[in-house]
N, C-alpha and C. Protein backbone atom coordinates (compact mmCIF):
# COMPACT_ATOMS: atom_id res chain seq x y z
N MET A 1 0.58 -1.03 -0.05
CA MET A 1 -0.19 0.18 -0.12
C MET A 1 0.58 1.75 -0.18
N ILE A 2 0.34 2.36 -1.04
CA ILE A 2 1.63 3.44 -0.86
C ILE A 2 0.26 4.54 -0.37
N ARG A 3 1.15 5.39 0.48
CA ARG A 3 0.24 6.37 1.33
C ARG A 3 0.64 7.45 2.08
N ALA A 4 0.71 8.96 1.50
CA ALA A 4 1.13 10.18 2.29
C ALA A 4 1.73 9.77 3.42
N TYR A 5 3.01 10.64 3.57
CA TYR A 5 3.87 10.14 4.75
C TYR A 5 3.64 11.02 6.29
N LYS A 6 3.44 10.51 7.04
CA LYS A 6 3.20 11.48 8.31
C LYS A 6 4.32 11.90 9.12
N GLU A 7 4.25 12.99 9.81
CA GLU A 7 5.30 13.01 10.75
C GLU A 7 5.72 12.24 11.58
N ASN A 8 5.06 11.12 11.76
CA ASN A 8 5.35 9.98 13.22
C ASN A 8 6.29 9.02 12.26
N ASP A 9 6.25 8.94 11.13
CA ASP A 9 6.63 8.03 10.36
C ASP A 9 8.73 7.91 10.09
N ILE A 10 9.14 9.57 10.67
CA ILE A 10 10.30 9.99 9.91
C ILE A 10 11.31 9.50 10.31
N GLY A 11 11.53 8.85 12.00
CA GLY A 11 12.20 8.05 12.22
C GLY A 11 12.33 6.86 11.43
N ILE A 12 11.81 6.04 11.16
CA ILE A 12 11.70 4.86 10.25
C ILE A 12 12.10 5.36 9.10
N LEU A 13 12.06 6.70 8.04
CA LEU A 13 12.46 6.99 6.97
C LEU A 13 13.67 7.34 6.89
N ILE A 14 14.11 8.10 7.74
CA ILE A 14 15.56 8.00 8.35
C ILE A 14 16.31 7.24 8.46
N ASP A 15 15.92 5.93 8.88
CA ASP A 15 16.73 4.45 9.13
C ASP A 15 17.09 4.21 7.85
N ILE A 16 16.01 4.17 7.38
CA ILE A 16 15.71 3.40 5.29
C ILE A 16 16.43 4.21 4.96
N TRP A 17 16.91 5.57 4.70
CA TRP A 17 17.29 6.11 3.94
C TRP A 17 18.98 6.25 4.69
N TYR A 18 19.58 5.97 5.40
CA TYR A 18 21.03 5.73 6.23
C TYR A 18 21.34 4.67 6.06
N LYS A 19 20.86 3.84 6.57
CA LYS A 19 20.94 2.25 5.27
C LYS A 19 21.15 1.73 4.26
N GLY A 20 20.44 2.12 3.55
CA GLY A 20 20.22 2.56 2.27
C GLY A 20 21.79 3.06 1.34
N SER A 21 21.77 4.58 1.99
CA SER A 21 23.15 5.21 1.27
C SER A 21 24.10 4.50 2.08
N LEU A 22 24.17 4.25 2.73
CA LEU A 22 25.37 3.50 3.34
C LEU A 22 25.65 1.93 2.06
N GLN A 23 24.95 1.20 1.90
CA GLN A 23 24.87 0.36 1.09
C GLN A 23 24.97 0.28 -0.15
N ALA A 24 24.49 1.52 -0.89
CA ALA A 24 24.28 2.08 -2.08
C ALA A 24 25.57 2.77 -2.56
N HIS A 25 26.43 3.48 -1.63
CA HIS A 25 27.60 4.34 -1.99
C HIS A 25 28.54 4.02 -0.80
N ASN A 26 28.78 3.04 -0.83
CA ASN A 26 29.97 2.38 -0.26
C ASN A 26 31.31 3.20 -0.77
N PHE A 27 30.88 3.76 -1.43
CA PHE A 27 32.60 4.69 -2.04
C PHE A 27 32.34 6.00 -1.12
N ILE A 28 31.24 6.34 -0.72
CA ILE A 28 31.59 7.75 0.17
C ILE A 28 31.62 7.25 1.62
N ASP A 29 32.57 8.32 2.02
CA ASP A 29 32.61 8.22 3.89
C ASP A 29 31.37 8.32 4.30
N SER A 30 31.28 7.19 5.48
CA SER A 30 30.32 6.59 6.07
C SER A 30 30.00 8.34 7.03
N GLY A 31 31.08 8.85 7.04
CA GLY A 31 30.76 10.28 7.87
C GLY A 31 29.70 11.17 7.43
N TYR A 32 29.82 11.07 5.77
CA TYR A 32 29.22 12.02 5.17
C TYR A 32 27.31 11.97 5.07
N TRP A 33 27.23 10.44 5.32
CA TRP A 33 25.71 10.35 5.28
C TRP A 33 25.29 10.94 6.76
N GLU A 34 26.13 10.51 7.80
CA GLU A 34 26.17 10.68 9.41
C GLU A 34 25.39 12.51 9.18
N SER A 35 26.64 12.93 8.63
CA SER A 35 26.14 14.63 8.78
C SER A 35 25.08 14.67 8.22
N GLN A 36 24.26 14.26 7.36
CA GLN A 36 23.02 14.69 6.66
C GLN A 36 21.81 14.41 7.45
N MET A 37 21.47 13.34 8.19
CA MET A 37 20.52 13.03 9.06
C MET A 37 19.65 13.79 9.43
N GLU A 38 20.52 15.24 10.40
CA GLU A 38 19.27 16.24 10.39
C GLU A 38 18.99 17.02 9.61
N GLU A 39 19.69 17.02 8.80
CA GLU A 39 19.15 17.78 7.48
C GLU A 39 18.00 17.14 6.89
N MET A 40 18.05 15.73 6.27
CA MET A 40 16.85 14.68 6.13
C MET A 40 15.80 14.91 6.59
N ARG A 41 16.28 14.85 8.27
CA ARG A 41 15.02 14.86 9.18
C ARG A 41 14.60 16.15 9.44
N GLY A 42 15.01 17.41 9.44
CA GLY A 42 14.49 18.78 9.50
C GLY A 42 14.37 19.71 8.32
N LYS A 43 15.05 18.92 7.22
CA LYS A 43 14.71 19.99 6.09
C LYS A 43 14.07 19.17 4.86
N TYR A 44 14.53 18.26 4.61
CA TYR A 44 14.50 17.54 2.94
C TYR A 44 13.40 16.85 3.18
N ILE A 45 13.04 16.16 3.61
CA ILE A 45 12.05 15.05 4.11
C ILE A 45 10.43 16.17 4.13
N PRO A 46 10.48 16.99 5.15
CA PRO A 46 9.60 18.03 5.26
C PRO A 46 9.28 18.82 3.86
N MET A 47 10.39 19.20 3.29
CA MET A 47 9.77 20.37 2.03
C MET A 47 9.52 19.09 0.75
N SER A 48 9.75 17.99 0.93
CA SER A 48 9.13 17.13 -0.33
C SER A 48 7.75 16.46 0.05
N GLU A 49 7.45 16.26 -1.23
CA GLU A 49 6.22 15.67 -1.10
C GLU A 49 6.65 13.87 -1.12
N THR A 50 6.61 13.25 0.03
CA THR A 50 6.72 12.23 0.50
C THR A 50 5.75 10.87 0.47
N HIS A 51 5.69 10.15 -0.27
CA HIS A 51 4.93 8.56 -0.18
C HIS A 51 5.52 7.54 0.69
N VAL A 52 4.95 6.70 1.26
CA VAL A 52 5.84 5.53 1.65
C VAL A 52 5.32 4.33 1.06
N ILE A 53 5.23 2.94 1.29
CA ILE A 53 5.01 1.97 0.89
C ILE A 53 4.88 1.14 1.94
N THR A 54 3.64 0.34 1.95
CA THR A 54 3.90 -0.76 3.26
C THR A 54 3.64 -2.02 2.94
N ASN A 55 4.05 -2.80 3.93
CA ASN A 55 3.92 -4.41 3.69
C ASN A 55 2.79 -4.99 4.64
N GLN A 56 1.70 -4.29 4.87
CA GLN A 56 0.51 -4.65 6.03
C GLN A 56 1.08 -4.35 6.84
N ILE A 57 2.41 -4.68 7.26
CA ILE A 57 3.26 -4.82 8.82
C ILE A 57 3.83 -3.64 9.27
N LYS A 58 4.38 -2.80 8.26
CA LYS A 58 5.67 -1.80 8.48
C LYS A 58 6.32 -1.29 6.81
N ILE A 59 6.69 0.31 7.07
CA ILE A 59 7.11 1.00 6.31
C ILE A 59 8.36 0.34 5.49
N ILE A 60 8.38 -0.23 4.34
CA ILE A 60 9.05 -0.85 3.76
C ILE A 60 10.42 0.56 2.71
N GLY A 61 9.72 1.29 2.11
CA GLY A 61 10.31 2.39 1.72
C GLY A 61 9.66 3.62 1.62
N PHE A 62 10.18 4.62 0.45
CA PHE A 62 9.95 5.96 0.57
C PHE A 62 10.70 6.33 -0.78
N ILE A 63 9.89 7.45 -1.30
CA ILE A 63 9.94 8.01 -2.24
C ILE A 63 9.65 9.66 -2.26
N SER A 64 10.40 11.04 -2.70
CA SER A 64 10.33 11.76 -1.95
C SER A 64 10.14 13.05 -3.25
N MET A 65 9.80 13.17 -3.68
CA MET A 65 9.54 14.08 -4.75
C MET A 65 9.42 15.32 -4.27
N VAL A 66 10.14 16.54 -5.22
CA VAL A 66 10.37 18.44 -4.83
C VAL A 66 10.10 18.50 -6.63
N GLU A 67 8.33 19.00 -6.85
CA GLU A 67 7.81 19.28 -7.91
C GLU A 67 8.10 17.51 -9.09
N ASP A 68 8.92 18.38 -10.47
CA ASP A 68 9.40 17.17 -10.73
C ASP A 68 10.67 16.53 -10.83
N TYR A 69 11.26 16.73 -9.42
CA TYR A 69 12.74 16.02 -9.18
C TYR A 69 12.04 14.96 -8.10
N LEU A 70 12.82 14.33 -8.85
CA LEU A 70 12.96 12.55 -7.42
C LEU A 70 14.16 12.62 -6.72
N ALA A 71 14.17 13.33 -5.22
CA ALA A 71 14.67 13.74 -4.53
C ALA A 71 15.25 12.71 -3.69
N ALA A 72 14.48 11.71 -3.49
CA ALA A 72 14.74 10.13 -3.18
C ALA A 72 14.01 8.82 -3.05
N LEU A 73 14.84 7.73 -3.44
CA LEU A 73 13.57 6.67 -3.61
C LEU A 73 14.40 5.45 -2.96
N PHE A 74 14.22 5.31 -0.97
CA PHE A 74 14.90 4.19 -1.11
C PHE A 74 13.93 2.76 -0.54
N ILE A 75 14.57 2.02 -0.46
CA ILE A 75 13.76 0.69 -0.03
C ILE A 75 14.58 0.03 0.52
N ASP A 76 13.72 -0.28 2.01
CA ASP A 76 14.69 -0.93 3.17
C ASP A 76 15.40 -2.04 2.49
N VAL A 77 17.05 -2.43 3.00
CA VAL A 77 18.12 -2.96 2.65
C VAL A 77 17.17 -4.46 2.20
N ALA A 78 16.09 -4.69 3.60
CA ALA A 78 15.75 -5.91 3.87
C ALA A 78 14.92 -5.97 2.43
N TYR A 79 14.31 -5.66 2.44
CA TYR A 79 13.17 -5.43 1.08
C TYR A 79 13.18 -5.16 -0.34
N GLN A 80 14.35 -5.19 -0.20
CA GLN A 80 15.05 -4.44 -2.08
C GLN A 80 14.54 -5.84 -3.42
N ASN A 81 14.78 -5.37 -4.03
CA ASN A 81 14.41 -6.44 -5.64
C ASN A 81 13.06 -7.11 -5.34
N ASN A 82 12.27 -6.41 -4.68
CA ASN A 82 11.34 -7.33 -4.68
C ASN A 82 9.83 -6.13 -5.79
N GLY A 83 10.02 -5.65 -6.03
CA GLY A 83 9.29 -4.56 -7.29
C GLY A 83 8.62 -3.15 -6.26
N ALA A 84 9.25 -3.02 -4.79
CA ALA A 84 8.20 -1.92 -3.98
C ALA A 84 8.90 -0.29 -4.74
N GLY A 85 10.54 -0.60 -4.95
CA GLY A 85 11.03 0.69 -5.47
C GLY A 85 10.08 0.82 -6.82
N LYS A 86 10.13 0.18 -7.69
CA LYS A 86 9.30 0.39 -9.22
C LYS A 86 7.64 0.36 -8.53
N GLU A 87 6.97 0.45 -7.76
CA GLU A 87 5.94 0.72 -7.93
C GLU A 87 5.78 2.26 -7.49
N LEU A 88 6.44 2.39 -6.30
CA LEU A 88 6.84 4.07 -6.07
C LEU A 88 6.89 4.66 -7.38
N LEU A 89 7.73 4.46 -8.02
CA LEU A 89 8.43 4.89 -8.86
C LEU A 89 6.98 5.15 -10.00
N ASN A 90 6.64 3.47 -10.88
CA ASN A 90 5.10 4.02 -11.11
C ASN A 90 4.16 5.31 -10.71
N PHE A 91 3.99 5.07 -9.38
CA PHE A 91 3.00 6.01 -8.58
C PHE A 91 3.13 7.16 -8.95
N GLU A 92 4.27 7.42 -8.96
CA GLU A 92 4.69 9.31 -9.56
C GLU A 92 4.77 9.54 -10.82
N LYS A 93 4.93 8.64 -11.90
CA LYS A 93 4.94 8.80 -13.11
C LYS A 93 3.53 8.64 -13.35
N GLU A 94 2.57 8.50 -12.45
CA GLU A 94 0.97 8.60 -13.11
C GLU A 94 0.97 9.71 -12.71
N GLN A 95 1.31 10.90 -11.87
CA GLN A 95 1.40 11.96 -11.61
C GLN A 95 1.71 13.42 -12.17
N ARG A 96 2.93 12.75 -13.08
CA ARG A 96 3.48 13.62 -14.30
C ARG A 96 3.78 13.74 -15.51
N ASN A 97 4.51 14.18 -15.64
CA ASN A 97 4.96 14.57 -17.46
C ASN A 97 6.55 13.70 -17.43
N LYS A 98 6.73 14.17 -16.19
CA LYS A 98 8.58 14.18 -16.50
C LYS A 98 8.91 14.05 -15.19
N ILE A 99 9.74 13.23 -15.19
CA ILE A 99 10.46 13.08 -13.58
C ILE A 99 12.44 13.41 -13.98
N GLN A 100 13.19 13.66 -13.34
CA GLN A 100 14.44 14.13 -13.14
C GLN A 100 14.78 13.58 -12.07
N LEU A 101 16.29 13.10 -11.84
CA LEU A 101 16.88 12.58 -10.79
C LEU A 101 18.34 12.76 -10.87
N LYS A 102 18.99 12.78 -9.81
CA LYS A 102 20.59 12.91 -10.19
C LYS A 102 20.81 11.33 -9.32
N VAL A 103 21.64 10.54 -9.53
CA VAL A 103 22.22 9.44 -9.38
C VAL A 103 23.99 9.39 -9.36
N TYR A 104 24.21 9.15 -8.74
CA TYR A 104 25.89 9.04 -8.40
C TYR A 104 26.25 7.79 -9.57
N LYS A 105 27.33 7.98 -10.25
CA LYS A 105 27.71 7.08 -11.60
C LYS A 105 28.19 5.88 -10.80
N GLU A 106 29.02 6.24 -10.24
CA GLU A 106 29.45 4.66 -9.49
C GLU A 106 28.54 3.31 -9.04
N ASN A 107 27.21 3.98 -8.56
CA ASN A 107 26.01 3.34 -7.84
C ASN A 107 25.62 2.80 -9.00
N LEU A 108 26.01 1.81 -9.69
CA LEU A 108 25.53 1.04 -11.08
C LEU A 108 23.93 0.26 -10.54
N SER A 109 23.93 -0.23 -9.48
CA SER A 109 22.56 -0.77 -9.44
C SER A 109 21.36 -0.03 -9.54
N ALA A 110 21.56 1.44 -9.04
CA ALA A 110 20.70 2.44 -9.02
C ALA A 110 20.59 3.05 -10.51
N VAL A 111 21.52 3.16 -11.65
CA VAL A 111 21.47 3.56 -12.94
C VAL A 111 21.36 2.18 -13.53
N ARG A 112 20.76 1.25 -13.62
CA ARG A 112 20.56 0.61 -14.40
C ARG A 112 18.88 0.10 -13.78
N PHE A 113 18.80 0.42 -12.95
CA PHE A 113 17.12 0.45 -12.33
C PHE A 113 16.46 1.76 -12.61
N TYR A 114 16.87 2.40 -12.84
CA TYR A 114 16.43 3.64 -14.05
C TYR A 114 16.62 3.57 -15.09
N GLU A 115 17.27 3.16 -15.77
CA GLU A 115 17.54 2.52 -17.20
C GLU A 115 16.44 1.78 -17.32
N LYS A 116 15.93 0.63 -16.70
CA LYS A 116 15.30 -0.42 -16.86
C LYS A 116 13.79 0.67 -16.73
N ASN A 117 13.63 1.54 -15.92
CA ASN A 117 11.90 1.87 -15.92
C ASN A 117 11.81 3.05 -16.60
N GLY A 118 12.99 3.35 -17.85
CA GLY A 118 12.11 4.43 -18.71
C GLY A 118 13.78 5.84 -18.66
N PHE A 119 14.00 5.47 -17.55
CA PHE A 119 15.08 6.82 -17.77
C PHE A 119 16.17 7.39 -18.31
N ILE A 120 16.69 8.15 -18.91
CA ILE A 120 17.51 8.56 -19.91
C ILE A 120 18.81 8.95 -19.57
N ILE A 121 19.85 9.25 -19.67
CA ILE A 121 21.04 9.94 -18.91
C ILE A 121 21.19 11.44 -19.88
N LYS A 122 20.92 12.45 -18.70
CA LYS A 122 21.10 13.61 -19.85
C LYS A 122 22.76 13.99 -19.73
N LYS A 123 22.92 14.09 -18.46
CA LYS A 123 24.28 14.41 -18.69
C LYS A 123 25.18 14.23 -17.30
N GLU A 124 26.07 14.46 -17.50
CA GLU A 124 27.63 13.77 -16.51
C GLU A 124 27.78 15.15 -15.73
N LEU A 125 27.54 14.69 -14.40
CA LEU A 125 27.62 16.28 -13.18
C LEU A 125 28.86 15.72 -12.48
N THR A 126 29.36 16.51 -11.05
CA THR A 126 30.06 16.29 -10.44
C THR A 126 29.24 16.69 -9.20
N ASP A 127 29.10 16.43 -8.55
CA ASP A 127 28.31 16.52 -6.61
C ASP A 127 29.24 17.85 -6.12
N GLU A 128 29.03 18.49 -6.02
CA GLU A 128 29.52 19.79 -5.38
C GLU A 128 30.22 19.37 -3.65
N GLN A 129 29.30 18.94 -3.03
CA GLN A 129 29.31 17.99 -1.25
C GLN A 129 30.23 16.96 -1.64
N THR A 130 30.30 16.01 -2.49
CA THR A 130 30.96 15.14 -2.73
C THR A 130 32.20 14.63 -2.86
N ASN A 131 32.14 15.43 -4.26
CA ASN A 131 33.21 15.19 -5.53
C ASN A 131 33.19 14.44 -6.46
N LYS A 132 31.90 13.66 -6.44
CA LYS A 132 32.08 12.13 -6.92
C LYS A 132 31.04 12.75 -8.56
N GLN A 133 31.34 11.93 -9.40
CA GLN A 133 31.01 11.94 -10.84
C GLN A 133 29.37 11.23 -10.62
N GLU A 134 28.32 12.04 -11.17
CA GLU A 134 27.00 11.92 -11.08
C GLU A 134 26.03 11.92 -12.66
N TYR A 135 25.14 10.90 -12.82
CA TYR A 135 24.21 11.49 -13.58
C TYR A 135 22.72 11.97 -13.75
N LEU A 136 22.75 13.15 -14.36
CA LEU A 136 21.36 13.76 -14.10
C LEU A 136 20.35 12.76 -15.36
N MET A 137 19.45 12.35 -14.79
CA MET A 137 18.94 11.15 -15.89
C MET A 137 17.19 12.01 -15.72
N GLU A 138 16.28 11.67 -16.68
CA GLU A 138 15.22 11.99 -17.08
C GLU A 138 14.41 11.14 -17.69
N TRP A 139 13.04 11.21 -17.54
CA TRP A 139 11.91 10.50 -17.62
C TRP A 139 10.69 11.13 -18.12
N THR A 140 9.88 10.68 -19.53
CA THR A 140 9.33 11.82 -20.17
C THR A 140 7.86 11.07 -20.62
N LYS A 141 7.22 11.07 -20.33
CA LYS A 141 5.80 10.50 -20.27
C LYS A 141 5.76 10.36 -22.06
N ASN A 142 5.36 9.05 -22.71
CA ASN A 142 5.40 9.30 -23.79
C ASN A 142 3.99 9.87 -24.61
């Protein structure tokens, strides 16, 4: 089930985000992700349109959009590769004509996931905070 996030979900979302970030971005020092936790809690999630996906028992992932920009898509590490990410992405695609996102070039599984779901690489950039290469990717409705 997909639903809008509630304020009392924030601790779960931060936990999913943090663990997912460590797993997907092992090429970035873990201290960087720790330093971002309060901004995620106090700024980024509250300023986004965030939806969670549950498995009847608990939240297993979330997606955060800022207008047509996909700011975050994270699935609990224990529930990855079971279609939850695709389900959240399709939920957002139904409501938009275009979605853009940035993904680290070294995060190969995420790059493949987005390509498989109709995103194309528009350009290569350098993330100013981490100095790592990233792709700007875009999906447009046909």
